[in-house]
Amino acid sequence: MSLLRRIFGEASERATLDPLYRAIVAAGRDPSWYLAGEVPDTIDGRFDMIAALTSLVLLRLEAEGEAGHGPSVLLTELFIQDMDGEMRQLGIGDYVVGKHVGRMVGALGGRLGAYRVARDSGDFAEAVRRNIFRDAPPSDAAVGIVASRLDVWAENLAATPMDDLLAARLPALPA
């Protein structure tokens, strides 16, 4: 087995989690984030929502200990693969796409830390303000809506059995 396969896994292994990743993306594109929550309906805003929801799913997988490690790695690889593809669709060339994707992966890592703290403290407002609205929220009400919905979704994820999660049966987004 080559070093790259050991690090990144087989494409067929990633494919098993593709439905989960697609469900996360669909949840991140739900119009309610952008309407009621006033998340900017831009490339950055959509990235921020997908990264937030991916982070919460990764944290849920982390809670499974060793059983969640492999799926967590594969889900992260799908995120990277998707971001690479999106950058290329936007016309970003080979020379700089790696830098952009690297920044996005770093942003995902930062969000993991921020949402871990938010989940553990039960206060998502600061993480939302900084990571979704980038310190320029349209209103405190918008921060509250998004923070509350992420908090409830994280709680519902925690109650979701691992088999359901891996089968892409995510909890419904809170109203």
N, C-alpha and C. Protein backbone atom coordinates (compact mmCIF):
# COMPACT_ATOMS: atom_id res chain seq x y z
N MET A 1 0.86 -1.18 0.00
CA MET A 1 0.00 0.00 0.00
C MET A 1 0.90 1.24 0.00
N SER A 2 0.58 2.15 -0.87
CA SER A 2 1.42 3.34 -0.98
C SER A 2 1.19 4.27 0.21
N LEU A 3 2.14 5.14 0.41
CA LEU A 3 2.05 6.11 1.50
C LEU A 3 0.82 6.99 1.35
N LEU A 4 0.54 7.45 0.14
CA LEU A 4 -0.63 8.32 -0.07
C LEU A 4 -1.93 7.60 0.25
N ARG A 5 -2.03 6.33 -0.10
CA ARG A 5 -3.25 5.58 0.22
C ARG A 5 -3.40 5.42 1.72
N ARG A 6 -2.30 5.19 2.42
CA ARG A 6 -2.38 5.06 3.88
C ARG A 6 -2.80 6.37 4.51
N ILE A 7 -2.33 7.48 3.97
CA ILE A 7 -2.66 8.79 4.53
C ILE A 7 -4.07 9.20 4.14
N PHE A 8 -4.42 9.09 2.86
CA PHE A 8 -5.67 9.63 2.36
C PHE A 8 -6.76 8.60 2.14
N GLY A 9 -6.44 7.33 2.24
CA GLY A 9 -7.46 6.31 2.05
C GLY A 9 -7.78 6.10 0.58
N GLU A 10 -8.51 5.06 0.32
CA GLU A 10 -8.94 4.72 -1.03
C GLU A 10 -10.14 5.58 -1.41
N ALA A 11 -10.26 5.87 -2.68
CA ALA A 11 -11.42 6.63 -3.16
C ALA A 11 -12.71 5.90 -2.82
N SER A 12 -12.69 4.56 -2.88
CA SER A 12 -13.90 3.79 -2.56
C SER A 12 -14.27 3.93 -1.09
N GLU A 13 -13.29 4.07 -0.22
CA GLU A 13 -13.60 4.30 1.20
C GLU A 13 -14.29 5.65 1.37
N ARG A 14 -13.77 6.66 0.69
CA ARG A 14 -14.39 7.99 0.76
C ARG A 14 -15.81 7.96 0.21
N ALA A 15 -16.00 7.18 -0.84
CA ALA A 15 -17.32 7.12 -1.48
C ALA A 15 -18.40 6.64 -0.51
N THR A 16 -18.02 5.82 0.47
CA THR A 16 -19.03 5.36 1.43
C THR A 16 -19.58 6.51 2.27
N LEU A 17 -18.80 7.55 2.44
CA LEU A 17 -19.26 8.71 3.22
C LEU A 17 -19.75 9.85 2.36
N ASP A 18 -19.73 9.67 1.05
CA ASP A 18 -20.22 10.73 0.16
C ASP A 18 -21.67 11.12 0.46
N PRO A 19 -22.58 10.16 0.70
CA PRO A 19 -23.95 10.58 1.04
C PRO A 19 -24.01 11.45 2.30
N LEU A 20 -23.20 11.16 3.29
CA LEU A 20 -23.16 11.99 4.49
C LEU A 20 -22.67 13.38 4.16
N TYR A 21 -21.59 13.48 3.39
CA TYR A 21 -21.07 14.80 3.04
C TYR A 21 -22.10 15.58 2.23
N ARG A 22 -22.76 14.91 1.28
CA ARG A 22 -23.78 15.59 0.47
C ARG A 22 -24.94 16.07 1.33
N ALA A 23 -25.30 15.30 2.36
CA ALA A 23 -26.38 15.72 3.27
C ALA A 23 -25.95 16.96 4.08
N ILE A 24 -24.68 17.00 4.47
CA ILE A 24 -24.17 18.17 5.18
C ILE A 24 -24.22 19.39 4.27
N VAL A 25 -23.77 19.23 3.04
CA VAL A 25 -23.78 20.35 2.08
C VAL A 25 -25.21 20.83 1.85
N ALA A 26 -26.15 19.89 1.70
CA ALA A 26 -27.55 20.27 1.49
C ALA A 26 -28.07 21.05 2.70
N ALA A 27 -27.72 20.62 3.89
CA ALA A 27 -28.15 21.34 5.10
C ALA A 27 -27.51 22.73 5.15
N GLY A 28 -26.26 22.83 4.71
CA GLY A 28 -25.58 24.13 4.70
C GLY A 28 -26.13 25.08 3.67
N ARG A 29 -26.78 24.55 2.67
CA ARG A 29 -27.37 25.39 1.62
C ARG A 29 -28.84 25.69 1.88
N ASP A 30 -29.37 25.18 2.99
CA ASP A 30 -30.78 25.41 3.30
C ASP A 30 -31.05 26.91 3.34
N PRO A 31 -32.07 27.38 2.63
CA PRO A 31 -32.34 28.82 2.54
C PRO A 31 -32.59 29.52 3.88
N SER A 32 -33.02 28.77 4.88
CA SER A 32 -33.33 29.42 6.16
C SER A 32 -32.10 30.06 6.81
N TRP A 33 -30.90 29.50 6.56
CA TRP A 33 -29.69 30.13 7.10
C TRP A 33 -29.53 31.54 6.54
N TYR A 34 -29.88 31.69 5.28
CA TYR A 34 -29.62 32.93 4.56
C TYR A 34 -30.79 33.92 4.68
N LEU A 35 -31.97 33.41 4.93
CA LEU A 35 -33.13 34.28 5.08
C LEU A 35 -33.31 34.68 6.54
N ALA A 36 -33.76 33.76 7.36
CA ALA A 36 -34.01 34.06 8.77
C ALA A 36 -32.71 34.38 9.52
N GLY A 37 -31.64 33.64 9.20
CA GLY A 37 -30.36 33.84 9.90
C GLY A 37 -29.50 34.93 9.33
N GLU A 38 -29.86 35.45 8.18
CA GLU A 38 -29.15 36.55 7.54
C GLU A 38 -27.67 36.26 7.25
N VAL A 39 -27.34 34.96 7.11
CA VAL A 39 -25.99 34.60 6.69
C VAL A 39 -25.83 35.13 5.26
N PRO A 40 -24.71 35.77 4.94
CA PRO A 40 -24.52 36.27 3.58
C PRO A 40 -24.65 35.15 2.55
N ASP A 41 -25.50 35.32 1.57
CA ASP A 41 -25.68 34.31 0.52
C ASP A 41 -24.63 34.56 -0.56
N THR A 42 -23.39 34.26 -0.18
CA THR A 42 -22.22 34.44 -1.02
C THR A 42 -21.40 33.16 -0.98
N ILE A 43 -20.37 33.10 -1.77
CA ILE A 43 -19.48 31.94 -1.73
C ILE A 43 -18.91 31.78 -0.32
N ASP A 44 -18.47 32.89 0.27
CA ASP A 44 -17.92 32.82 1.64
C ASP A 44 -18.97 32.40 2.65
N GLY A 45 -20.17 32.95 2.53
CA GLY A 45 -21.24 32.61 3.47
C GLY A 45 -21.61 31.15 3.39
N ARG A 46 -21.70 30.64 2.18
CA ARG A 46 -22.02 29.22 2.01
C ARG A 46 -20.89 28.33 2.52
N PHE A 47 -19.65 28.73 2.26
CA PHE A 47 -18.52 27.99 2.81
C PHE A 47 -18.61 27.96 4.34
N ASP A 48 -18.91 29.12 4.93
CA ASP A 48 -18.97 29.20 6.39
C ASP A 48 -20.03 28.27 6.97
N MET A 49 -21.18 28.17 6.31
CA MET A 49 -22.24 27.28 6.82
C MET A 49 -21.86 25.82 6.62
N ILE A 50 -21.31 25.49 5.48
CA ILE A 50 -20.91 24.09 5.26
C ILE A 50 -19.78 23.72 6.22
N ALA A 51 -18.84 24.62 6.44
CA ALA A 51 -17.75 24.35 7.38
C ALA A 51 -18.29 24.20 8.81
N ALA A 52 -19.27 25.01 9.17
CA ALA A 52 -19.85 24.92 10.52
C ALA A 52 -20.52 23.56 10.73
N LEU A 53 -21.34 23.17 9.77
CA LEU A 53 -22.05 21.90 9.91
C LEU A 53 -21.10 20.71 9.81
N THR A 54 -20.11 20.80 8.92
CA THR A 54 -19.11 19.74 8.83
C THR A 54 -18.36 19.63 10.16
N SER A 55 -18.02 20.76 10.75
CA SER A 55 -17.33 20.75 12.04
C SER A 55 -18.15 20.05 13.11
N LEU A 56 -19.44 20.34 13.15
CA LEU A 56 -20.29 19.71 14.16
C LEU A 56 -20.40 18.20 13.94
N VAL A 57 -20.46 17.77 12.68
CA VAL A 57 -20.48 16.33 12.41
C VAL A 57 -19.14 15.71 12.79
N LEU A 58 -18.04 16.38 12.47
CA LEU A 58 -16.72 15.86 12.86
C LEU A 58 -16.60 15.75 14.38
N LEU A 59 -17.14 16.72 15.09
CA LEU A 59 -17.11 16.65 16.56
C LEU A 59 -17.97 15.49 17.06
N ARG A 60 -19.08 15.24 16.39
CA ARG A 60 -19.92 14.09 16.76
C ARG A 60 -19.16 12.79 16.53
N LEU A 61 -18.45 12.69 15.41
CA LEU A 61 -17.65 11.50 15.15
C LEU A 61 -16.53 11.35 16.17
N GLU A 62 -15.94 12.47 16.55
CA GLU A 62 -14.88 12.47 17.56
C GLU A 62 -15.37 11.86 18.87
N ALA A 63 -16.62 12.11 19.20
CA ALA A 63 -17.20 11.59 20.44
C ALA A 63 -17.27 10.07 20.46
N GLU A 64 -17.17 9.44 19.29
CA GLU A 64 -17.20 7.98 19.19
C GLU A 64 -15.84 7.36 19.49
N GLY A 65 -14.83 8.19 19.71
CA GLY A 65 -13.50 7.65 19.98
C GLY A 65 -12.90 7.01 18.75
N GLU A 66 -12.27 5.87 18.93
CA GLU A 66 -11.58 5.20 17.82
C GLU A 66 -12.54 4.84 16.69
N ALA A 67 -13.77 4.48 17.01
CA ALA A 67 -14.75 4.11 15.98
C ALA A 67 -15.07 5.28 15.05
N GLY A 68 -14.92 6.49 15.54
CA GLY A 68 -15.21 7.66 14.71
C GLY A 68 -14.01 8.20 13.97
N HIS A 69 -12.83 7.70 14.28
CA HIS A 69 -11.62 8.25 13.67
C HIS A 69 -11.58 8.07 12.15
N GLY A 70 -11.78 6.86 11.69
CA GLY A 70 -11.73 6.60 10.25
C GLY A 70 -12.76 7.41 9.48
N PRO A 71 -14.03 7.37 9.90
CA PRO A 71 -15.03 8.19 9.20
C PRO A 71 -14.71 9.69 9.25
N SER A 72 -14.13 10.14 10.34
CA SER A 72 -13.77 11.55 10.46
C SER A 72 -12.71 11.93 9.42
N VAL A 73 -11.73 11.08 9.27
CA VAL A 73 -10.67 11.33 8.28
C VAL A 73 -11.26 11.35 6.87
N LEU A 74 -12.10 10.37 6.59
CA LEU A 74 -12.70 10.28 5.25
C LEU A 74 -13.61 11.47 4.96
N LEU A 75 -14.37 11.91 5.96
CA LEU A 75 -15.24 13.07 5.77
C LEU A 75 -14.40 14.32 5.52
N THR A 76 -13.31 14.46 6.23
CA THR A 76 -12.42 15.60 6.00
C THR A 76 -11.83 15.54 4.59
N GLU A 77 -11.48 14.36 4.13
CA GLU A 77 -10.97 14.21 2.77
C GLU A 77 -12.01 14.62 1.74
N LEU A 78 -13.28 14.26 1.98
CA LEU A 78 -14.35 14.67 1.07
C LEU A 78 -14.50 16.18 1.05
N PHE A 79 -14.39 16.79 2.20
CA PHE A 79 -14.45 18.26 2.29
C PHE A 79 -13.33 18.87 1.44
N ILE A 80 -12.12 18.36 1.59
CA ILE A 80 -10.97 18.87 0.84
C ILE A 80 -11.19 18.66 -0.67
N GLN A 81 -11.63 17.47 -1.04
CA GLN A 81 -11.87 17.16 -2.44
C GLN A 81 -12.93 18.11 -3.03
N ASP A 82 -13.99 18.35 -2.27
CA ASP A 82 -15.05 19.25 -2.74
C ASP A 82 -14.54 20.68 -2.87
N MET A 83 -13.79 21.16 -1.89
CA MET A 83 -13.27 22.53 -1.95
C MET A 83 -12.31 22.68 -3.13
N ASP A 84 -11.49 21.66 -3.38
CA ASP A 84 -10.59 21.70 -4.52
C ASP A 84 -11.39 21.83 -5.81
N GLY A 85 -12.43 21.01 -5.94
CA GLY A 85 -13.26 21.05 -7.13
C GLY A 85 -13.97 22.39 -7.30
N GLU A 86 -14.46 22.94 -6.20
CA GLU A 86 -15.14 24.25 -6.26
C GLU A 86 -14.17 25.34 -6.71
N MET A 87 -12.96 25.32 -6.21
CA MET A 87 -11.97 26.33 -6.60
C MET A 87 -11.67 26.23 -8.09
N ARG A 88 -11.55 25.03 -8.57
CA ARG A 88 -11.27 24.83 -9.99
C ARG A 88 -12.44 25.29 -10.85
N GLN A 89 -13.68 25.05 -10.38
CA GLN A 89 -14.86 25.52 -11.12
C GLN A 89 -14.92 27.04 -11.18
N LEU A 90 -14.39 27.68 -10.14
CA LEU A 90 -14.36 29.15 -10.13
C LEU A 90 -13.25 29.69 -11.02
N GLY A 91 -12.45 28.80 -11.58
CA GLY A 91 -11.40 29.22 -12.50
C GLY A 91 -10.06 29.47 -11.84
N ILE A 92 -9.91 29.06 -10.61
CA ILE A 92 -8.62 29.23 -9.94
C ILE A 92 -7.68 28.16 -10.46
N GLY A 93 -6.51 28.56 -10.91
CA GLY A 93 -5.57 27.66 -11.56
C GLY A 93 -4.80 26.79 -10.60
N ASP A 94 -4.11 25.81 -11.18
CA ASP A 94 -3.35 24.83 -10.42
C ASP A 94 -2.32 25.46 -9.49
N TYR A 95 -1.72 26.57 -9.93
CA TYR A 95 -0.65 27.16 -9.13
C TYR A 95 -1.13 27.68 -7.78
N VAL A 96 -2.35 28.15 -7.71
CA VAL A 96 -2.83 28.75 -6.46
C VAL A 96 -3.95 27.97 -5.80
N VAL A 97 -4.54 26.99 -6.49
CA VAL A 97 -5.66 26.27 -5.88
C VAL A 97 -5.23 25.59 -4.59
N GLY A 98 -4.04 25.06 -4.55
CA GLY A 98 -3.54 24.41 -3.33
C GLY A 98 -3.47 25.36 -2.15
N LYS A 99 -3.05 26.58 -2.40
CA LYS A 99 -2.99 27.57 -1.32
C LYS A 99 -4.39 27.88 -0.80
N HIS A 100 -5.34 28.05 -1.72
CA HIS A 100 -6.71 28.35 -1.31
C HIS A 100 -7.31 27.19 -0.51
N VAL A 101 -7.12 25.98 -1.01
CA VAL A 101 -7.65 24.81 -0.31
C VAL A 101 -6.97 24.66 1.04
N GLY A 102 -5.67 24.91 1.08
CA GLY A 102 -4.94 24.86 2.36
C GLY A 102 -5.52 25.83 3.37
N ARG A 103 -5.86 27.03 2.92
CA ARG A 103 -6.48 28.00 3.83
C ARG A 103 -7.85 27.52 4.30
N MET A 104 -8.58 26.90 3.39
CA MET A 104 -9.91 26.40 3.76
C MET A 104 -9.81 25.26 4.78
N VAL A 105 -8.84 24.40 4.61
CA VAL A 105 -8.64 23.31 5.56
C VAL A 105 -8.23 23.90 6.91
N GLY A 106 -7.37 24.92 6.89
CA GLY A 106 -7.01 25.60 8.13
C GLY A 106 -8.22 26.24 8.78
N ALA A 107 -9.10 26.81 7.96
CA ALA A 107 -10.33 27.42 8.48
C ALA A 107 -11.21 26.35 9.11
N LEU A 108 -11.29 25.17 8.49
CA LEU A 108 -12.08 24.08 9.07
C LEU A 108 -11.51 23.68 10.42
N GLY A 109 -10.18 23.59 10.49
CA GLY A 109 -9.54 23.26 11.77
C GLY A 109 -9.83 24.30 12.84
N GLY A 110 -9.78 25.57 12.47
CA GLY A 110 -10.11 26.63 13.42
C GLY A 110 -11.54 26.55 13.89
N ARG A 111 -12.44 26.23 12.97
CA ARG A 111 -13.85 26.11 13.32
C ARG A 111 -14.09 24.91 14.23
N LEU A 112 -13.37 23.83 14.00
CA LEU A 112 -13.49 22.68 14.90
C LEU A 112 -13.21 23.12 16.34
N GLY A 113 -12.14 23.86 16.53
CA GLY A 113 -11.82 24.34 17.87
C GLY A 113 -12.88 25.28 18.42
N ALA A 114 -13.33 26.21 17.60
CA ALA A 114 -14.33 27.19 18.05
C ALA A 114 -15.65 26.51 18.38
N TYR A 115 -16.09 25.59 17.53
CA TYR A 115 -17.37 24.93 17.77
C TYR A 115 -17.28 23.88 18.88
N ARG A 116 -16.10 23.33 19.13
CA ARG A 116 -15.91 22.45 20.28
C ARG A 116 -16.13 23.24 21.56
N VAL A 117 -15.52 24.42 21.63
CA VAL A 117 -15.70 25.28 22.81
C VAL A 117 -17.16 25.69 22.94
N ALA A 118 -17.78 26.07 21.81
CA ALA A 118 -19.18 26.50 21.83
C ALA A 118 -20.09 25.36 22.30
N ARG A 119 -19.88 24.18 21.77
CA ARG A 119 -20.70 23.03 22.16
C ARG A 119 -20.53 22.71 23.63
N ASP A 120 -19.29 22.73 24.11
CA ASP A 120 -19.03 22.40 25.51
C ASP A 120 -19.57 23.46 26.46
N SER A 121 -19.57 24.72 26.04
CA SER A 121 -20.06 25.80 26.90
C SER A 121 -21.55 26.05 26.73
N GLY A 122 -22.12 25.56 25.61
CA GLY A 122 -23.52 25.82 25.32
C GLY A 122 -23.78 27.22 24.81
N ASP A 123 -22.72 27.91 24.40
CA ASP A 123 -22.87 29.28 23.90
C ASP A 123 -22.19 29.39 22.53
N PHE A 124 -23.01 29.35 21.50
CA PHE A 124 -22.50 29.39 20.13
C PHE A 124 -22.34 30.81 19.60
N ALA A 125 -22.81 31.80 20.32
CA ALA A 125 -22.87 33.16 19.78
C ALA A 125 -21.50 33.69 19.34
N GLU A 126 -20.48 33.54 20.16
CA GLU A 126 -19.17 34.08 19.80
C GLU A 126 -18.59 33.36 18.59
N ALA A 127 -18.73 32.03 18.56
CA ALA A 127 -18.22 31.27 17.41
C ALA A 127 -18.95 31.66 16.13
N VAL A 128 -20.25 31.89 16.22
CA VAL A 128 -21.03 32.31 15.06
C VAL A 128 -20.61 33.70 14.61
N ARG A 129 -20.48 34.59 15.57
CA ARG A 129 -20.10 35.98 15.26
C ARG A 129 -18.76 36.01 14.52
N ARG A 130 -17.81 35.23 14.98
CA ARG A 130 -16.46 35.27 14.43
C ARG A 130 -16.30 34.43 13.16
N ASN A 131 -16.97 33.28 13.10
CA ASN A 131 -16.71 32.33 12.01
C ASN A 131 -17.74 32.35 10.89
N ILE A 132 -18.90 32.89 11.15
CA ILE A 132 -19.90 32.96 10.09
C ILE A 132 -20.09 34.40 9.63
N PHE A 133 -20.16 35.32 10.59
CA PHE A 133 -20.35 36.72 10.22
C PHE A 133 -19.05 37.50 10.19
N ARG A 134 -17.97 36.85 10.58
CA ARG A 134 -16.63 37.47 10.55
C ARG A 134 -16.61 38.82 11.26
N ASP A 135 -17.18 38.81 12.44
CA ASP A 135 -17.20 39.99 13.33
C ASP A 135 -18.01 41.15 12.77
N ALA A 136 -18.83 40.92 11.76
CA ALA A 136 -19.67 41.99 11.21
C ALA A 136 -21.10 41.47 10.99
N PRO A 137 -21.75 40.99 12.08
CA PRO A 137 -23.10 40.45 11.90
C PRO A 137 -24.08 41.55 11.53
N PRO A 138 -25.12 41.18 10.77
CA PRO A 138 -26.12 42.18 10.41
C PRO A 138 -26.91 42.65 11.63
N SER A 139 -27.06 41.78 12.63
CA SER A 139 -27.78 42.13 13.86
C SER A 139 -27.51 41.09 14.93
N ASP A 140 -27.76 41.47 16.17
CA ASP A 140 -27.64 40.50 17.26
C ASP A 140 -28.69 39.41 17.10
N ALA A 141 -29.84 39.77 16.55
CA ALA A 141 -30.90 38.78 16.33
C ALA A 141 -30.44 37.70 15.36
N ALA A 142 -29.74 38.08 14.30
CA ALA A 142 -29.23 37.11 13.32
C ALA A 142 -28.23 36.17 13.99
N VAL A 143 -27.34 36.71 14.79
CA VAL A 143 -26.37 35.87 15.52
C VAL A 143 -27.14 34.89 16.40
N GLY A 144 -28.14 35.39 17.09
CA GLY A 144 -28.92 34.54 17.98
C GLY A 144 -29.63 33.42 17.25
N ILE A 145 -30.20 33.72 16.10
CA ILE A 145 -30.90 32.70 15.32
C ILE A 145 -29.94 31.61 14.88
N VAL A 146 -28.83 32.00 14.29
CA VAL A 146 -27.87 31.01 13.78
C VAL A 146 -27.26 30.23 14.95
N ALA A 147 -26.88 30.92 16.02
CA ALA A 147 -26.28 30.26 17.18
C ALA A 147 -27.25 29.25 17.79
N SER A 148 -28.49 29.65 17.95
CA SER A 148 -29.48 28.76 18.54
C SER A 148 -29.71 27.52 17.67
N ARG A 149 -29.81 27.73 16.38
CA ARG A 149 -30.04 26.60 15.47
C ARG A 149 -28.85 25.64 15.47
N LEU A 150 -27.62 26.18 15.49
CA LEU A 150 -26.44 25.31 15.54
C LEU A 150 -26.39 24.55 16.86
N ASP A 151 -26.72 25.22 17.94
CA ASP A 151 -26.71 24.58 19.25
C ASP A 151 -27.69 23.41 19.30
N VAL A 152 -28.92 23.65 18.85
CA VAL A 152 -29.94 22.59 18.85
C VAL A 152 -29.51 21.45 17.92
N TRP A 153 -28.97 21.80 16.75
CA TRP A 153 -28.55 20.77 15.80
C TRP A 153 -27.41 19.93 16.40
N ALA A 154 -26.48 20.58 17.10
CA ALA A 154 -25.38 19.85 17.74
C ALA A 154 -25.93 18.89 18.80
N GLU A 155 -26.92 19.33 19.56
CA GLU A 155 -27.54 18.46 20.57
C GLU A 155 -28.23 17.28 19.89
N ASN A 156 -28.93 17.54 18.80
CA ASN A 156 -29.61 16.47 18.07
C ASN A 156 -28.61 15.51 17.43
N LEU A 157 -27.49 16.05 16.96
CA LEU A 157 -26.43 15.18 16.42
C LEU A 157 -25.89 14.25 17.51
N ALA A 158 -25.70 14.79 18.71
CA ALA A 158 -25.17 13.99 19.81
C ALA A 158 -26.09 12.81 20.12
N ALA A 159 -27.39 12.98 19.88
CA ALA A 159 -28.35 11.91 20.15
C ALA A 159 -28.56 10.98 18.94
N THR A 160 -27.91 11.29 17.83
CA THR A 160 -28.06 10.48 16.62
C THR A 160 -27.14 9.28 16.69
N PRO A 161 -27.69 8.07 16.57
CA PRO A 161 -26.83 6.88 16.58
C PRO A 161 -25.79 6.93 15.45
N MET A 162 -24.65 6.38 15.71
CA MET A 162 -23.55 6.37 14.74
C MET A 162 -23.98 5.75 13.41
N ASP A 163 -24.72 4.64 13.46
CA ASP A 163 -25.17 4.01 12.21
C ASP A 163 -26.04 4.95 11.39
N ASP A 164 -26.91 5.71 12.04
CA ASP A 164 -27.75 6.67 11.32
C ASP A 164 -26.89 7.77 10.72
N LEU A 165 -25.93 8.23 11.48
CA LEU A 165 -25.04 9.29 11.00
C LEU A 165 -24.29 8.82 9.75
N LEU A 166 -23.70 7.66 9.82
CA LEU A 166 -22.93 7.15 8.69
C LEU A 166 -23.80 6.83 7.49
N ALA A 167 -25.10 6.63 7.73
CA ALA A 167 -26.03 6.39 6.63
C ALA A 167 -26.65 7.71 6.14
N ALA A 168 -26.08 8.81 6.57
CA ALA A 168 -26.50 10.16 6.13
C ALA A 168 -27.89 10.52 6.61
N ARG A 169 -28.34 9.92 7.71
CA ARG A 169 -29.61 10.29 8.30
C ARG A 169 -29.34 11.32 9.39
N LEU A 170 -29.18 12.56 8.93
CA LEU A 170 -28.89 13.67 9.84
C LEU A 170 -30.17 14.15 10.49
N PRO A 171 -30.06 14.72 11.68
CA PRO A 171 -31.26 15.30 12.27
C PRO A 171 -31.75 16.49 11.43
N ALA A 172 -33.04 16.72 11.48
CA ALA A 172 -33.61 17.85 10.76
C ALA A 172 -33.04 19.14 11.33
N LEU A 173 -32.93 20.13 10.47
CA LEU A 173 -32.50 21.45 10.95
C LEU A 173 -33.60 22.05 11.79
N PRO A 174 -33.25 22.66 12.92
CA PRO A 174 -34.27 23.30 13.75
C PRO A 174 -34.89 24.49 13.02
N ALA A 175 -36.12 24.74 13.34
CA ALA A 175 -36.83 25.87 12.72
C ALA A 175 -36.33 27.19 13.25
